[in-house]
Amino acid sequence: MSERRQRIRALRVSIAATVLSFLFSCPVLFAQHAPSAERLSPNTVFYIEWRGLASLTSANKQNHVLQLWNDPDFAPIRMALAMVVQQNAREEAGKAAKPTVEDILSLLDNGSVLGVVANPAGAKTSSSSGSTFNGGVFLVYDSTGKTGLLEKLKRESDANAKEPPIVRNYDFGGTSIAVRTSAKDTSYSAQVANYDILASQKETIEDLVTRFRAAEKPTSTVTQSAEYKMVLPYLGSDAALQFFGRVPDLNQLIPSDQKDKPFGQFASKFQLGKIHALGGSLSFNGEATRMRGALLGDASPGGLFDLAGASTASFQTQPIVEGGPLFSISRIDLTDFYHSLRAAISTALPPQQAGAVAMGEGLAQNYLGMPIEDALGLFTGEIASSTAFADDGSPQRTFAVTIQKPQDVLRVLRALCASLIAAEDTSGSTTFLDMSYPYQDPVTGKQRRSFYYVAVTPYMLFAAQRKTTLREAMQRENAKSADLPADPEFARMRARLPEKLSGLSGAYFTRIPYDKVITYYGQQMTAAAAQQAKSGADAPKIDWSKLVKPDVFSRHVRLSVGGWWKDANGVYFDSYIQ
């Protein structure tokens, strides 16, 4: 496996571990010197920081999500989830690492910072396959009270590996840095005060050691960058978890030998540099849990921001999603996004390849009966979904999409889904399509057929798993209800968001039949574990239906409201769970 793939895998595992430091923590005392982003290099392009449960002492008493997490009836679920994490860790590392559930829970007590740093121009790491990766991954962990456990896990990992790594140490200004070289990759680690530092590059570990062993905070850090200051209002001073990212100079990020090639040209023409920064935070300060953030930059036409639709005070699909306990609405602009994407691809490709793209568009036009941009223009932007639950606990989803020119929409559907259409009939101005497709039953493993029912009206396309659900959604749309929904608590939480939105979502947790849902998904997971066992995989045997007490959720969480919006400076999101 290439070094780049190894680093991506390490990044994925580290992100999961850092996030789980929130999810699997229990009320214990945290070290008071958790690693801080205020010591990170200005070359940091992404980090995620967990600040520790010490910041949640007062929130534990009033925050509904934390009350749920700390409920004794929820404890078996925490342990079961830890078992799943344990199994995933073993699968990632093979027989080289076997952390126990207790070890996992214990390690996740303390704070950490995970990040990616972009090297200065010319400082690249080459893999054995000859590719280059102009950056490094790092993790800084507060090892207070955990040093012995960390050493134990390292020894077990080395002892159980098929090919034990070669470990050597060198002195860096009085700090010993361990270099671990295996058949797959090379990593660097060091202990600085109460910080355990891991990095994928020598340059990265040495910079981190310098920054975290200094008595004073460095004079130059990522928190002083212009991009960080842009997203600072969305990080929150009371946040327990926060993340930040920025798009570095593409001239520095893209290797010089790739700048004149298709990808380098595409990145330039698609104006990826118009995206400047992103950031967000998770806060438990108060009764409601809040997650907010922003993707900032130049949102003028031409680029990725084109995909986000305009923000307005109401949605055409609002009345349709009222019925389900879970719903979401988004407004996107496929036509503008397609124009920007096509222009970037056409100018980035050599003439011969650009001609092939034009030929492909011609074939698509013949197949659809119209140009691609005209087909995309039939869908006027709003996409809504609503989820209810059947008597057996299975999710029943309903979709609604705003359209124009229904006969042209039908022509596109017939072209794309001809093999799936089992029946078609018309009633007044509405055309109904019954669509059938094969799938494998996860419980029995047998091939079965599933149905989706579609209705095309003059201004809306509906799709649902049941005909009765489809007709109920159509009736709600015809009723032209003005408000979503007429619930005082929802209205109060909705008022925390801006009046004009490009997307709205919500969940009525008290309307979910938890007993049925838990039984349904428990059966699905049991069947999946059985399939893993047949293939020789070692899956944890967990009976979720016996672990979960349905009323534990409704005792603590009642409602969730979230929204996102767009302006000339970017896209923003905000959500609350209470």
Foldseek 3Di string as FASTA:
>chain_A
DKLVVVQVVVLVLVVVLQVVLVVLEDPDDEDPCADDLLLAFLQWFKKKKFAACVLCPVLCVFALVNVLSHPPLCVLVSLVVLQQSQQVVCVVLPQLFRDDSVLSSVQSRYIKMKTKGFAFFPDWDAIPVGDTARIKIKMKTQCVVPVVVVVVRLVSNQVRDPHRWDWDWDDDPNWIKIWTDDPHAIKIWTDAPRITMIMRDPVNVNSSNVQVNDPDHDPHGSCPDPQNVVWVVAADPSFSMKMKGFDPDLVRRDDPVCCLALVNQLCVQQPVVQFGMKMHGWHSPHHKIKTKMFTWGFLDQGHDNQQADAWDLDDLLQLLQLPAQWKKKFFTQPLSVVVNNLRSNLVSDDPVVSVVVVVVQVVVCVLLVHGPSVLSVQFPGMKMKYWHADPLQDIKMKIKTWGADLVSPVSNCCSVQVVFFPDWDDDVQKIKTKGKDWDADLQPRDIDIFIKIWMGHRTMIMIIRDPVSRVVSVVSSVVPDPDRPPDVVVVVQCVVDDSIFRMKIKGFLVNRPQLSNQQVVLSSVQSVCVVCVVVVRDDDDDRRSVSHDRCSSVVRWGMKMKTKHDDSTGIIIMMIID
